[in-house]
Amino acid sequence: MNPRNSLNFSGGPGVLPESVLRQAQESVIEVPEVGLSVLGISHRSDWFAAVVSELETNVRTLLGLPNDYHVLFLQGGATQQFSMVPMTLLRGRGRPAEYLHTGYWSGKALPEARREGQVRVLWTGETDGFRRLPSDAELCFSPDAAYLHYVSNETVEGLQFHRVLGRDDVPRVCDMSSDFLSKPCEAERFSLIYAHAQKNIGPAGVTVVLVRDALLKDVPDDLPGFLDYRTHVQSHSNFNTPPVFAIWVVLLVTRWLINEIGGLARMAELNRTKADLIYNQLDSSAGFYRGRAATADRSTMNVAFNLASPEMEKRFLAEASGAGFSGLSGHRAIGGIRASIYDGLMLPAVEKLVGFMDEFRRRQRNVRVSETSA
C-alpha cells in the first residue's frame, strides 16, 4: 500500500481503511463469485441486489435503527439533499422550517430551502466567525416548525455538536455527512439523516439517507420522480443506474466497522483518542498552534488551526508535504490548517503528525533563538 495514502488528512474525499482498499482493488479486476469486474456488473443483477440488502442491514445494525426507517443510497451528494429535504417537508406547508447556521455547509443549505418556503434561522455564528456553536440557552425551538435542520459536524470550521438538538414533537433533519458512522448517534431521535459517503464511509458518488416512514405520508404529489424519496424506497435505491462501485465500497466499510473495529462505540473511542492527541499538541504549544474552534465544540473529525502568520502556515504545509503528509491545507473559505481524522485514518498516522508538529515547533523556536542571538 502506498505509504502516502496512510498519511492522507484530506477533508474529503477521505482516506479509507487499508483492508477496504485492498478488497476494492481486487474487485476492480474480478468479484470472485461473479467472475466480472465490479465496474462491469449490472445494477439489475442478483449480486447487486444482495449488496444493497446487506448494506441496509449493516447500517441498521451499526445504528440500532428501528424498523420504521428506510435506508436509501442516493446520488447528488449532500447538495442534492439541501433541495430534496425542503421540497418534501416545506413546500406548501405554510409553516417555516428552522435552520441553524453554524458554518460553511449549513450556510449552503439555506438558499435552497428558501426556494421552497419560509425559513427561520434560529441562530447564526457568522458574527463570531463560526468559531463556536450555540448553547441551549441561545436556542428557542418552535413547536409549530415544519422541521429543524442542522449540521452535526461542520467540516470546514472543525465544529461538532456533542448533543441532539430540538424538540421531540418536531421532525429533526440532520446533515451528518462528516461524522456519520464515526460514533453512535441516537438515530431513532431523527426523522431524516443524510450523509454523503466521501468522508467516513466510502468514495464520492453515493449518499446515505435514513428516513422515517411516517415522514413520507404527506409528501407533495408534484415532485419529480428522481427527487421523491418514495420513488427510491419503492425501487430499493435502484430507480436509475446507481453508483455500483461506490455502494460496494460502502458495504466493505460497514463490514470493516462491524468485524474489524467492533462497532460504533469502539470507533468513537478510537476517534476520540486520535483527536485528543492533536488537540493536546495545540493546547501545549504555548500559542504556537492556535485552535480555531471553541474548546467545548471541537470536532473529533476535523481539527482546524492556525499558526502565527500565513507565511508560517505555508512553511508548515510545505515541510509537511515533504514529510509525506497530504491534505492538510485548510478549506479555501478560511485557509489555515486542517487535519481531518476520519474513521479510516489510523492512530499511527495521527501519532506521526503530532510528532511532526512537535518537531516543527521546536525547530522554529530554535530558529528564533538563533536570530535573536545573532
Protein backbone atom coordinates (compact mmCIF):
# COMPACT_ATOMS: atom_id res chain seq x y z
CA MET A 1 0.00 0.00 0.00
CA ASN A 2 1.26 3.48 -0.85
CA PRO A 3 2.62 4.91 2.45
CA ARG A 4 1.44 8.39 1.49
CA ASN A 5 -2.14 7.14 1.40
CA SER A 6 -1.87 6.22 5.08
CA LEU A 7 -0.98 9.85 5.86
CA ASN A 8 -3.92 11.39 3.99
CA PHE A 9 -5.55 14.02 6.22
CA SER A 10 -7.78 15.39 3.46
CA GLY A 11 -11.15 16.88 4.33
CA GLY A 12 -12.70 14.84 1.53
CA PRO A 13 -12.60 12.51 -0.15
CA GLY A 14 -11.19 10.97 3.00
CA VAL A 15 -8.83 8.07 3.48
CA LEU A 16 -10.33 4.58 3.50
CA PRO A 17 -9.15 1.61 5.60
CA GLU A 18 -6.30 -0.36 4.03
CA SER A 19 -8.21 -3.65 4.11
CA VAL A 20 -11.11 -2.00 2.29
CA LEU A 21 -8.81 -0.56 -0.36
CA ARG A 22 -7.28 -3.97 -0.99
CA GLN A 23 -10.69 -5.60 -1.39
CA ALA A 24 -11.83 -2.78 -3.66
CA GLN A 25 -8.65 -3.16 -5.71
CA GLU A 26 -9.27 -6.87 -6.16
CA SER A 27 -12.90 -6.33 -7.10
CA VAL A 28 -11.96 -3.92 -9.88
CA ILE A 29 -10.25 -6.90 -11.53
CA GLU A 30 -12.81 -9.50 -10.51
CA VAL A 31 -15.53 -10.15 -7.97
CA PRO A 32 -14.88 -13.88 -7.36
CA GLU A 33 -18.47 -15.01 -7.01
CA VAL A 34 -19.44 -13.23 -10.24
CA GLY A 35 -16.30 -13.54 -12.34
CA LEU A 36 -16.58 -9.95 -13.54
CA SER A 37 -15.05 -6.61 -12.59
CA VAL A 38 -17.28 -4.72 -10.17
CA LEU A 39 -17.16 -1.89 -12.71
CA GLY A 40 -18.99 -4.09 -15.21
CA ILE A 41 -21.58 -5.82 -13.02
CA SER A 42 -25.18 -4.88 -13.79
CA HIS A 43 -27.11 -2.86 -11.27
CA ARG A 44 -30.02 -5.19 -12.04
CA SER A 45 -28.07 -8.30 -11.09
CA ASP A 46 -28.87 -10.55 -8.15
CA TRP A 47 -25.37 -9.85 -6.83
CA PHE A 48 -26.01 -6.11 -6.59
CA ALA A 49 -29.44 -6.63 -5.04
CA ALA A 50 -27.70 -8.69 -2.34
CA VAL A 51 -25.12 -5.90 -1.86
CA VAL A 52 -27.85 -3.32 -1.24
CA SER A 53 -29.72 -5.68 1.09
CA GLU A 54 -26.65 -6.45 3.19
CA LEU A 55 -25.65 -2.80 3.33
CA GLU A 56 -29.11 -1.81 4.56
CA THR A 57 -28.85 -4.47 7.27
CA ASN A 58 -25.34 -3.37 8.30
CA VAL A 59 -26.38 0.27 8.65
CA ARG A 60 -29.38 -0.76 10.75
CA THR A 61 -27.15 -2.97 12.90
CA LEU A 62 -24.49 -0.32 13.47
CA LEU A 63 -27.03 2.36 14.44
CA GLY A 64 -29.63 0.18 16.14
CA LEU A 65 -32.11 1.63 13.67
CA PRO A 66 -35.80 0.84 14.24
CA ASN A 67 -37.79 -0.96 11.55
CA ASP A 68 -39.84 2.11 10.63
CA TYR A 69 -36.89 3.71 8.83
CA HIS A 70 -35.96 3.37 5.19
CA VAL A 71 -32.25 3.15 4.31
CA LEU A 72 -31.56 4.68 0.91
CA PHE A 73 -28.42 5.01 -1.22
CA LEU A 74 -28.85 8.03 -3.48
CA GLN A 75 -26.81 10.25 -5.76
CA GLY A 76 -26.21 14.00 -5.80
CA GLY A 77 -24.32 14.31 -2.52
CA ALA A 78 -25.46 16.41 0.41
CA THR A 79 -26.03 19.25 -2.06
CA GLN A 80 -28.99 17.44 -3.59
CA GLN A 81 -30.37 16.85 -0.10
CA PHE A 82 -30.29 20.60 0.50
CA SER A 83 -33.12 20.70 -2.07
CA MET A 84 -34.85 17.35 -1.57
CA VAL A 85 -35.47 17.96 2.13
CA PRO A 86 -37.39 21.26 1.75
CA MET A 87 -39.15 20.07 -1.42
CA THR A 88 -40.50 17.17 0.64
CA LEU A 89 -41.11 18.82 4.00
CA LEU A 90 -41.54 22.56 3.39
CA ARG A 91 -43.25 23.04 0.03
CA GLY A 92 -46.85 24.16 0.50
CA ARG A 93 -46.82 23.64 4.28
CA GLY A 94 -47.41 27.26 5.30
CA ARG A 95 -45.14 26.84 8.29
CA PRO A 96 -41.49 27.86 8.50
CA ALA A 97 -38.62 25.43 8.80
CA GLU A 98 -35.99 26.18 11.43
CA TYR A 99 -32.32 26.11 10.45
CA LEU A 100 -29.09 26.62 12.34
CA HIS A 101 -26.33 28.50 10.52
CA THR A 102 -23.20 27.15 12.16
CA GLY A 103 -20.67 27.17 9.33
CA TYR A 104 -19.91 26.85 5.65
CA TRP A 105 -22.07 23.83 4.82
CA SER A 106 -25.13 24.77 6.84
CA GLY A 107 -24.93 28.11 5.02
CA LYS A 108 -25.07 26.29 1.70
CA ALA A 109 -28.36 24.63 2.70
CA LEU A 110 -30.19 27.88 3.45
CA PRO A 111 -30.78 29.37 -0.03
CA GLU A 112 -32.05 26.03 -1.33
CA ALA A 113 -34.59 25.78 1.49
CA ARG A 114 -35.76 29.35 0.89
CA ARG A 115 -36.74 28.38 -2.65
CA GLU A 116 -39.45 26.14 -1.19
CA GLY A 117 -40.87 28.16 1.70
CA GLN A 118 -40.21 30.26 4.75
CA VAL A 119 -37.04 29.63 6.73
CA ARG A 120 -36.37 30.85 10.24
CA VAL A 121 -32.67 30.98 11.15
CA LEU A 122 -32.67 30.26 14.87
CA TRP A 123 -29.01 31.09 15.36
CA THR A 124 -26.02 32.11 13.27
CA GLY A 125 -22.37 32.01 14.19
CA GLU A 126 -21.42 34.40 11.42
CA THR A 127 -20.66 37.34 13.73
CA ASP A 128 -18.21 35.14 15.68
CA GLY A 129 -16.54 33.86 12.52
CA PHE A 130 -18.11 30.43 13.09
CA ARG A 131 -15.74 29.65 15.93
CA ARG A 132 -18.36 28.24 18.28
CA LEU A 133 -21.77 26.55 18.42
CA PRO A 134 -24.86 27.79 20.27
CA SER A 135 -25.64 26.84 23.84
CA ASP A 136 -29.07 25.53 24.77
CA ALA A 137 -29.88 28.92 26.31
CA GLU A 138 -29.39 30.60 22.91
CA LEU A 139 -31.92 28.39 21.13
CA CYS A 140 -35.70 28.67 21.24
CA PHE A 141 -37.32 25.93 19.17
CA SER A 142 -40.89 26.42 17.98
CA PRO A 143 -43.46 23.63 18.36
CA ASP A 144 -45.07 24.59 15.05
CA ALA A 145 -41.97 24.41 12.84
CA ALA A 146 -42.18 22.24 9.73
CA TYR A 147 -38.85 20.71 10.76
CA LEU A 148 -35.49 21.53 12.32
CA HIS A 149 -32.36 21.27 10.17
CA TYR A 150 -28.78 21.36 11.37
CA VAL A 151 -25.33 20.04 10.50
CA SER A 152 -23.86 17.76 13.15
CA ASN A 153 -20.23 18.42 12.18
CA GLU A 154 -19.03 21.49 10.30
CA THR A 155 -16.17 20.11 8.24
CA VAL A 156 -14.61 23.46 7.32
CA GLU A 157 -14.51 25.12 10.73
CA GLY A 158 -13.95 22.00 12.84
CA LEU A 159 -17.12 22.35 14.94
CA GLN A 160 -19.25 19.45 16.15
CA PHE A 161 -22.42 19.15 18.18
CA HIS A 162 -21.99 16.66 21.01
CA ARG A 163 -25.72 16.54 21.79
CA VAL A 164 -29.02 16.11 19.97
CA LEU A 165 -30.89 19.37 19.39
CA GLY A 166 -34.55 20.28 19.03
CA ARG A 167 -37.93 19.12 20.19
CA ASP A 168 -39.19 15.56 20.05
CA ASP A 169 -42.51 16.76 18.56
CA VAL A 170 -40.84 18.48 15.56
CA PRO A 171 -39.09 16.44 12.84
CA ARG A 172 -35.30 16.59 13.19
CA VAL A 173 -33.32 16.62 9.96
CA CYS A 174 -29.55 16.36 10.20
CA ASP A 175 -26.71 16.56 7.73
CA MET A 176 -24.23 14.06 9.20
CA SER A 177 -22.00 13.93 6.15
CA SER A 178 -18.72 14.26 8.00
CA ASP A 179 -19.37 12.28 11.19
CA PHE A 180 -21.81 9.57 10.05
CA LEU A 181 -20.80 6.15 11.43
CA SER A 182 -17.98 7.71 13.42
CA LYS A 183 -19.87 7.18 16.69
CA PRO A 184 -23.32 6.17 17.96
CA CYS A 185 -25.81 8.94 17.14
CA GLU A 186 -29.25 8.16 18.65
CA ALA A 187 -30.57 7.78 15.11
CA GLU A 188 -34.08 7.00 16.34
CA ARG A 189 -34.42 10.61 17.53
CA PHE A 190 -34.12 11.94 13.97
CA SER A 191 -36.78 11.89 11.27
CA LEU A 192 -34.24 12.15 8.45
CA ILE A 193 -30.46 11.82 8.37
CA TYR A 194 -28.33 12.26 5.27
CA ALA A 195 -24.62 11.78 4.71
CA HIS A 196 -22.58 11.71 1.56
CA ALA A 197 -20.03 8.93 1.67
CA GLN A 198 -16.78 10.68 0.86
CA LYS A 199 -15.73 11.46 4.43
CA ASN A 200 -16.00 8.33 6.59
CA ILE A 201 -17.74 5.61 4.67
CA GLY A 202 -16.73 5.42 1.02
CA PRO A 203 -15.81 7.20 -2.21
CA ALA A 204 -17.73 10.08 -3.74
CA GLY A 205 -20.87 9.17 -5.65
CA VAL A 206 -23.29 7.81 -3.06
CA THR A 207 -25.26 9.48 -0.27
CA VAL A 208 -26.88 7.53 2.56
CA VAL A 209 -30.34 8.73 3.60
CA LEU A 210 -32.22 7.40 6.60
CA VAL A 211 -35.85 8.49 6.60
CA ARG A 212 -38.65 7.61 8.97
CA ASP A 213 -41.62 6.11 7.16
CA ALA A 214 -44.12 8.46 8.84
CA LEU A 215 -42.32 11.45 7.32
CA LEU A 216 -43.35 10.33 3.82
CA LYS A 217 -47.09 10.13 4.48
CA ASP A 218 -47.88 13.70 3.40
CA VAL A 219 -45.43 14.41 0.58
CA PRO A 220 -46.35 16.78 -2.29
CA ASP A 221 -47.57 14.96 -5.38
CA ASP A 222 -45.79 17.24 -7.85
CA LEU A 223 -42.21 16.20 -7.07
CA PRO A 224 -40.03 14.93 -9.92
CA GLY A 225 -39.64 11.17 -9.61
CA PHE A 226 -35.89 11.35 -9.07
CA LEU A 227 -36.34 13.87 -6.25
CA ASP A 228 -39.06 11.94 -4.43
CA TYR A 229 -37.86 9.72 -1.57
CA ARG A 230 -40.84 7.41 -2.15
CA THR A 231 -39.54 6.58 -5.62
CA HIS A 232 -36.27 5.34 -4.18
CA VAL A 233 -38.00 3.45 -1.38
CA GLN A 234 -40.13 1.57 -3.90
CA SER A 235 -37.16 0.78 -6.16
CA HIS A 236 -34.80 -0.22 -3.30
CA SER A 237 -32.29 2.51 -4.27
CA ASN A 238 -32.28 1.22 -7.86
CA PHE A 239 -34.54 3.71 -9.65
CA ASN A 240 -31.91 4.64 -12.22
CA THR A 241 -28.37 3.33 -12.70
CA PRO A 242 -26.84 3.68 -9.22
CA PRO A 243 -23.10 4.04 -8.45
CA VAL A 244 -22.49 0.31 -8.05
CA PHE A 245 -18.80 0.60 -7.19
CA ALA A 246 -19.31 3.34 -4.59
CA ILE A 247 -22.12 1.41 -2.90
CA TRP A 248 -19.97 -1.74 -2.90
CA VAL A 249 -17.15 0.12 -1.13
CA VAL A 250 -19.56 1.48 1.48
CA LEU A 251 -20.61 -2.11 2.14
CA LEU A 252 -16.94 -3.05 2.63
CA VAL A 253 -16.55 -0.18 5.11
CA THR A 254 -19.58 -1.30 7.13
CA ARG A 255 -18.17 -4.83 7.25
CA TRP A 256 -14.88 -3.36 8.48
CA LEU A 257 -16.69 -1.37 11.18
CA ILE A 258 -18.57 -4.44 12.37
CA ASN A 259 -15.96 -7.19 12.00
CA GLU A 260 -12.60 -5.44 12.48
CA ILE A 261 -13.41 -2.39 14.62
CA GLY A 262 -16.20 -3.92 16.68
CA GLY A 263 -18.95 -1.35 16.24
CA LEU A 264 -19.52 2.37 16.60
CA ALA A 265 -18.83 2.63 20.33
CA ARG A 266 -15.33 1.29 19.72
CA MET A 267 -14.94 3.52 16.65
CA ALA A 268 -15.87 6.52 18.78
CA GLU A 269 -13.17 5.62 21.32
CA LEU A 270 -10.54 5.42 18.59
CA ASN A 271 -11.65 8.70 17.06
CA ARG A 272 -11.56 10.45 20.44
CA THR A 273 -8.03 9.15 21.06
CA LYS A 274 -6.88 10.49 17.69
CA ALA A 275 -8.50 13.88 18.24
CA ASP A 276 -7.14 14.23 21.78
CA LEU A 277 -3.59 13.69 20.54
CA ILE A 278 -3.81 16.63 18.15
CA TYR A 279 -5.74 18.93 20.48
CA ASN A 280 -3.24 18.23 23.26
CA GLN A 281 -0.48 19.28 20.89
CA LEU A 282 -2.33 22.53 20.17
CA ASP A 283 -3.01 23.23 23.83
CA SER A 284 0.54 22.52 24.99
CA SER A 285 2.25 24.60 22.28
CA ALA A 286 2.10 27.91 24.21
CA GLY A 287 0.18 29.55 21.39
CA PHE A 288 2.40 28.35 18.56
CA TYR A 289 -0.56 26.33 17.24
CA ARG A 290 -3.87 28.14 17.63
CA GLY A 291 -7.01 26.04 17.62
CA ARG A 292 -9.90 27.60 15.74
CA ALA A 293 -12.95 26.10 17.45
CA ALA A 294 -14.17 26.79 20.97
CA THR A 295 -12.93 24.00 23.22
CA ALA A 296 -16.41 22.68 24.08
CA ASP A 297 -17.37 22.48 20.40
CA ARG A 298 -14.23 20.88 18.98
CA SER A 299 -14.76 18.28 16.29
CA THR A 300 -13.38 14.76 16.56
CA MET A 301 -13.34 14.63 12.75
CA ASN A 302 -11.74 17.88 11.61
CA VAL A 303 -9.11 19.74 13.62
CA ALA A 304 -8.78 23.30 12.26
CA PHE A 305 -5.95 25.50 13.47
CA ASN A 306 -3.65 28.37 12.57
CA LEU A 307 -0.05 29.38 13.08
CA ALA A 308 1.29 32.87 13.80
CA SER A 309 1.24 34.06 10.18
CA PRO A 310 0.26 32.96 6.67
CA GLU A 311 3.98 32.67 5.88
CA MET A 312 4.50 30.26 8.78
CA GLU A 313 1.49 28.24 7.64
CA LYS A 314 2.94 27.96 4.12
CA ARG A 315 6.21 26.75 5.60
CA PHE A 316 4.39 24.22 7.75
CA LEU A 317 2.42 22.87 4.78
CA ALA A 318 5.49 22.67 2.56
CA GLU A 319 7.50 20.76 5.14
CA ALA A 320 4.53 18.52 5.96
CA SER A 321 4.15 17.64 2.30
CA GLY A 322 7.86 16.86 2.09
CA ALA A 323 7.46 14.55 5.07
CA GLY A 324 4.71 12.61 3.32
CA PHE A 325 1.59 14.20 4.82
CA SER A 326 -1.25 15.03 2.43
CA GLY A 327 -4.42 17.12 2.59
CA LEU A 328 -3.53 19.43 5.48
CA SER A 329 -4.44 22.71 3.80
CA GLY A 330 -7.47 24.40 5.31
CA HIS A 331 -10.63 24.87 3.28
CA ARG A 332 -10.48 27.68 0.73
CA ALA A 333 -13.18 29.57 2.67
CA ILE A 334 -10.99 30.15 5.74
CA GLY A 335 -7.48 28.94 4.96
CA GLY A 336 -5.19 27.83 7.77
CA ILE A 337 -4.50 24.18 8.53
CA ARG A 338 -6.99 21.34 8.84
CA ALA A 339 -6.29 17.76 9.87
CA SER A 340 -9.24 15.52 9.02
CA ILE A 341 -9.10 12.32 11.03
CA TYR A 342 -11.97 10.25 9.70
CA ASP A 343 -12.64 6.62 10.61
CA GLY A 344 -10.24 5.19 8.03
CA LEU A 345 -7.25 7.20 9.26
CA MET A 346 -5.37 5.02 11.70
CA LEU A 347 -3.83 6.04 15.03
CA PRO A 348 -0.19 5.64 13.86
CA ALA A 349 -0.80 8.31 11.19
CA VAL A 350 -2.01 10.76 13.84
CA GLU A 351 0.95 9.93 16.06
CA LYS A 352 3.29 10.70 13.16
CA LEU A 353 1.53 14.01 12.52
CA VAL A 354 1.75 15.03 16.17
CA GLY A 355 5.43 14.11 16.17
CA PHE A 356 5.97 16.26 13.08
CA MET A 357 4.06 19.16 14.65
CA ASP A 358 6.18 18.98 17.80
CA GLU A 359 9.41 18.81 15.82
CA PHE A 360 8.36 21.70 13.55
CA ARG A 361 7.52 23.88 16.56
CA ARG A 362 10.87 23.15 18.21
CA ARG A 363 12.77 23.93 15.02
CA GLN A 364 11.03 27.27 14.61
CA ARG A 365 11.74 28.14 18.23
CA ASN A 366 15.42 27.35 17.70
CA VAL A 367 15.48 29.50 14.57
CA ARG A 368 14.04 32.44 16.51
CA VAL A 369 16.58 31.96 19.29
CA SER A 370 19.42 31.88 16.76
CA GLU A 371 18.15 35.01 15.03
CA THR A 372 17.87 36.82 18.37
CA SER A 373 21.39 35.77 19.38
CA ALA A 374 22.80 36.99 16.08
